[in-house]
C-alpha atoms as a PDB file:
ATOM      1  CA  MET A   1      -6.885  -7.101   2.562  1.00  0.00           C
ATOM      2  CA  VAL A   2      -3.933  -6.681   4.878  1.00  0.00           C
ATOM      3  CA  THR A   3      -4.093  -4.581   8.036  1.00  0.00           C
ATOM      4  CA  ASP A   4      -1.602  -1.759   8.104  1.00  0.00           C
ATOM      5  CA  GLN A   5      -1.313  -2.019  11.902  1.00  0.00           C
ATOM      6  CA  ASP A   6       0.197  -5.509  12.122  1.00  0.00           C
ATOM      7  CA  GLY A   7       0.124  -7.104   8.661  1.00  0.00           C
ATOM      8  CA  THR A   8      -2.574  -9.675   9.400  1.00  0.00           C
ATOM      9  CA  ILE A   9      -4.869 -10.774   6.597  1.00  0.00           C
ATOM     10  CA  VAL A  10      -8.477  -9.592   6.877  1.00  0.00           C
ATOM     11  CA  THR A  11     -11.060 -12.216   5.880  1.00  0.00           C
ATOM     12  CA  THR A  12     -14.306 -11.161   7.588  1.00  0.00           C
ATOM     13  CA  ALA A  13     -16.463  -8.056   7.904  1.00  0.00           C
ATOM     14  CA  ASP A  14     -15.742  -7.923  11.649  1.00  0.00           C
ATOM     15  CA  GLU A  15     -12.000  -7.949  11.009  1.00  0.00           C
ATOM     16  CA  LEU A  16     -12.407  -5.182   8.428  1.00  0.00           C
ATOM     17  CA  ARG A  17     -14.419  -3.063  10.851  1.00  0.00           C
ATOM     18  CA  THR A  18     -11.753  -3.551  13.529  1.00  0.00           C
ATOM     19  CA  MET A  19      -8.990  -2.658  11.061  1.00  0.00           C
ATOM     20  CA  LEU A  20     -10.744   0.561  10.071  1.00  0.00           C
ATOM     21  CA  LEU A  21     -11.362   1.556  13.686  1.00  0.00           C
ATOM     22  CA  ASP A  22      -7.776   0.718  14.680  1.00  0.00           C
ATOM     23  CA  THR A  23      -6.534   3.108  11.997  1.00  0.00           C
ATOM     24  CA  PHE A  24      -7.343   5.955  14.395  1.00  0.00           C
ATOM     25  CA  ASP A  25      -5.544   4.467  17.412  1.00  0.00           C
ATOM     26  CA  LEU A  26      -2.697   2.249  16.244  1.00  0.00           C
ATOM     27  CA  PRO A  27       0.376   3.131  14.179  1.00  0.00           C
ATOM     28  CA  ILE A  28       1.194   1.580  10.827  1.00  0.00           C
ATOM     29  CA  HIS A  29       3.783  -1.201  10.998  1.00  0.00           C
ATOM     30  CA  TRP A  30       5.034  -1.198   7.407  1.00  0.00           C
ATOM     31  CA  PRO A  31       7.635  -3.989   7.740  1.00  0.00           C
ATOM     32  CA  LYS A  32       4.904  -6.435   8.827  1.00  0.00           C
ATOM     33  CA  VAL A  33       2.682  -5.337   5.943  1.00  0.00           C
ATOM     34  CA  VAL A  34       5.531  -5.896   3.466  1.00  0.00           C
ATOM     35  CA  ASP A  35       6.298  -9.325   4.957  1.00  0.00           C
ATOM     36  CA  THR A  36       2.654 -10.393   4.651  1.00  0.00           C
ATOM     37  CA  LEU A  37       2.358  -9.184   1.057  1.00  0.00           C
ATOM     38  CA  LYS A  38       5.620 -10.888   0.034  1.00  0.00           C
ATOM     39  CA  GLY A  39       4.490 -14.086   1.757  1.00  0.00           C
ATOM     40  CA  ALA A  40       1.279 -13.943  -0.282  1.00  0.00           C
ATOM     41  CA  GLY A  41       3.287 -13.749  -3.516  1.00  0.00           C
ATOM     42  CA  VAL A  42       2.690 -10.074  -4.303  1.00  0.00           C
ATOM     43  CA  SER A  43       5.354  -8.714  -6.655  1.00  0.00           C
ATOM     44  CA  LYS A  44       3.824  -5.442  -7.894  1.00  0.00           C
ATOM     45  CA  MET A  45       2.437  -2.690  -5.669  1.00  0.00           C
ATOM     46  CA  TYR A  46       0.212   0.101  -6.900  1.00  0.00           C
ATOM     47  CA  ILE A  47       0.354   3.208  -4.710  1.00  0.00           C
ATOM     48  CA  THR A  48      -2.849   5.160  -5.328  1.00  0.00           C
ATOM     49  CA  GLY A  49      -3.705   8.654  -4.236  1.00  0.00           C
ATOM     50  CA  PRO A  50      -1.448  10.977  -2.307  1.00  0.00           C
ATOM     51  CA  ASP A  51       1.637   9.279  -0.909  1.00  0.00           C
ATOM     52  CA  ASN A  52       4.823  11.004   0.089  1.00  0.00           C
ATOM     53  CA  LEU A  53       6.428   8.068   1.841  1.00  0.00           C
ATOM     54  CA  PHE A  54       5.637   4.414   1.136  1.00  0.00           C
ATOM     55  CA  HIS A  55       6.666   4.320  -2.535  1.00  0.00           C
ATOM     56  CA  ARG A  56      10.089   5.759  -1.601  1.00  0.00           C
ATOM     57  CA  LEU A  57      10.979   3.375   1.229  1.00  0.00           C
ATOM     58  CA  ASP A  58      13.851   0.974   0.530  1.00  0.00           C
ATOM     59  CA  ARG A  59      11.804  -1.883   2.002  1.00  0.00           C
ATOM     60  CA  THR A  60       9.036  -1.209  -0.526  1.00  0.00           C
ATOM     61  CA  LYS A  61      11.326  -0.695  -3.533  1.00  0.00           C
ATOM     62  CA  SER A  62      13.463  -3.749  -2.816  1.00  0.00           C
ATOM     63  CA  ASN A  63      10.495  -6.117  -2.469  1.00  0.00           C
ATOM     64  CA  PHE A  64       8.049  -4.893  -5.128  1.00  0.00           C
ATOM     65  CA  GLU A  65       7.786  -3.313  -8.520  1.00  0.00           C
ATOM     66  CA  VAL A  66       6.208  -0.021  -7.427  1.00  0.00           C
ATOM     67  CA  VAL A  67       3.718   1.798  -9.656  1.00  0.00           C
ATOM     68  CA  THR A  68       2.370   5.157  -8.462  1.00  0.00           C
ATOM     69  CA  VAL A  69      -1.105   5.998  -9.695  1.00  0.00           C
ATOM     70  CA  GLY A  70      -2.880   9.310  -9.290  1.00  0.00           C
ATOM     71  CA  PRO A  71      -3.955  12.486 -11.077  1.00  0.00           C
ATOM     72  CA  GLY A  72      -0.408  13.860 -11.343  1.00  0.00           C
ATOM     73  CA  LYS A  73       1.069  10.485 -12.381  1.00  0.00           C
ATOM     74  CA  ARG A  74      -0.940   9.618 -15.484  1.00  0.00           C
ATOM     75  CA  SER A  75       0.555   9.970 -18.908  1.00  0.00           C
ATOM     76  CA  ARG A  76      -0.802  12.816 -20.960  1.00  0.00           C
ATOM     77  CA  PRO A  77      -1.059  13.151 -24.714  1.00  0.00           C
ATOM     78  CA  ALA A  78       1.539  15.385 -26.347  1.00  0.00           C
ATOM     79  CA  ARG A  79       0.432  18.970 -26.864  1.00  0.00           C
ATOM     80  CA  LYS A  80      -0.142  20.157 -30.423  1.00  0.00           C
ATOM     81  CA  ARG A  81       1.901  23.195 -31.327  1.00  0.00           C
END
């Protein structure tokens, strides 16, 4: 896992707990998150759930293949007429 506050990699339960608690007090620093993910070799990003921002950012689109996943994004079978 990567913290959204500063892009550090989470490896322990204590770090995860701190990350979750910091979510309420610290802003997201997306450029650091992107740098960490790219440095780890990530090339495809799945955006799940509601998102009106991150999948549209130039920094996201230029560094990853972006796939949005959610109830309104799934393919549906063709309707029979």
